[in-house]
Amino acid sequence: MTLNEAQIGVPYIIKGIRTDNCDLNSFLQRLGCYSGQSVTVISRKRKGCIASIMNNRYSFDESIAEAILI
């Protein structure tokens, strides 16, 4: 399951990041988005979602949210 499929307000544990792009992987790691970390979708928007990771809110577009496995 990916972040795009997550229910709003339900905490999930990140199982991994599925991407071949090293820069994107590095970027997500710096945000605290890595295996074992908790993530909660706060709201949805037309082309993505807003999620809370480590008490910070981030806006992810569809392609990035699809790369985050929960």
Protein backbone atom coordinates (compact mmCIF):
# COMPACT_ATOMS: atom_id res chain seq x y z
CA MET A 1 0.00 0.00 0.00
CA THR A 2 1.24 3.50 -0.75
CA LEU A 3 0.71 6.88 0.88
CA ASN A 4 -1.82 7.68 -1.87
CA GLU A 5 -4.04 4.89 -0.55
CA ALA A 6 -3.79 5.82 3.16
CA GLN A 7 -6.85 6.90 5.12
CA ILE A 8 -6.87 10.41 6.56
CA GLY A 9 -6.01 10.58 10.26
CA VAL A 10 -4.76 6.99 10.58
CA PRO A 11 -1.11 6.58 11.63
CA TYR A 12 0.92 4.18 9.48
CA ILE A 13 4.49 2.89 9.65
CA ILE A 14 6.65 3.44 6.57
CA LYS A 15 7.80 0.09 5.17
CA GLY A 16 10.09 1.52 2.51
CA ILE A 17 10.66 3.90 -0.36
CA ARG A 18 10.21 2.61 -3.90
CA THR A 19 12.22 4.79 -6.28
CA ASP A 20 15.22 4.52 -8.59
CA ASN A 21 15.93 8.24 -8.20
CA CYS A 22 18.81 8.66 -5.70
CA ASP A 23 18.06 12.38 -5.28
CA LEU A 24 14.44 11.70 -4.35
CA ASN A 25 15.47 8.96 -1.94
CA SER A 26 18.00 11.31 -0.31
CA PHE A 27 15.44 14.10 -0.08
CA LEU A 28 12.89 11.87 1.64
CA GLN A 29 15.53 10.60 4.07
CA ARG A 30 16.34 14.19 5.07
CA LEU A 31 12.64 14.79 5.78
CA GLY A 32 12.62 11.80 8.12
CA CYS A 33 10.74 9.60 5.69
CA TYR A 34 12.37 6.17 6.10
CA SER A 35 11.48 2.62 7.13
CA GLY A 36 10.05 2.34 10.63
CA GLN A 37 8.97 5.99 10.87
CA SER A 38 5.35 6.90 11.57
CA VAL A 39 3.37 8.88 8.96
CA THR A 40 -0.19 10.21 9.04
CA VAL A 41 -2.08 11.70 6.10
CA ILE A 42 -3.67 14.93 7.32
CA SER A 43 -5.57 15.88 4.18
CA ARG A 44 -5.85 15.22 0.49
CA LYS A 45 -5.57 17.65 -2.35
CA ARG A 46 -6.25 17.23 -6.04
CA LYS A 47 -2.81 15.90 -6.97
CA GLY A 48 -1.34 14.60 -3.72
CA CYS A 49 -1.63 14.80 0.03
CA ILE A 50 -0.40 16.56 3.14
CA ALA A 51 1.23 14.21 5.64
CA SER A 52 2.75 14.49 9.09
CA ILE A 53 6.16 12.92 9.67
CA MET A 54 8.06 13.48 12.94
CA ASN A 55 5.64 16.27 13.98
CA ASN A 56 6.25 18.17 10.72
CA ARG A 57 3.78 18.62 7.85
CA TYR A 58 4.80 18.05 4.27
CA SER A 59 2.96 18.31 0.98
CA PHE A 60 3.65 15.42 -1.38
CA ASP A 61 2.58 15.28 -5.00
CA GLU A 62 1.09 12.08 -6.44
CA SER A 63 4.36 10.61 -7.72
CA ILE A 64 6.23 11.07 -4.43
CA ALA A 65 3.30 9.74 -2.37
CA GLU A 66 3.22 6.69 -4.65
CA ALA A 67 6.88 5.97 -3.84
CA ILE A 68 6.24 5.84 -0.05
CA LEU A 69 5.21 2.32 0.98
CA ILE A 70 3.19 1.87 4.16
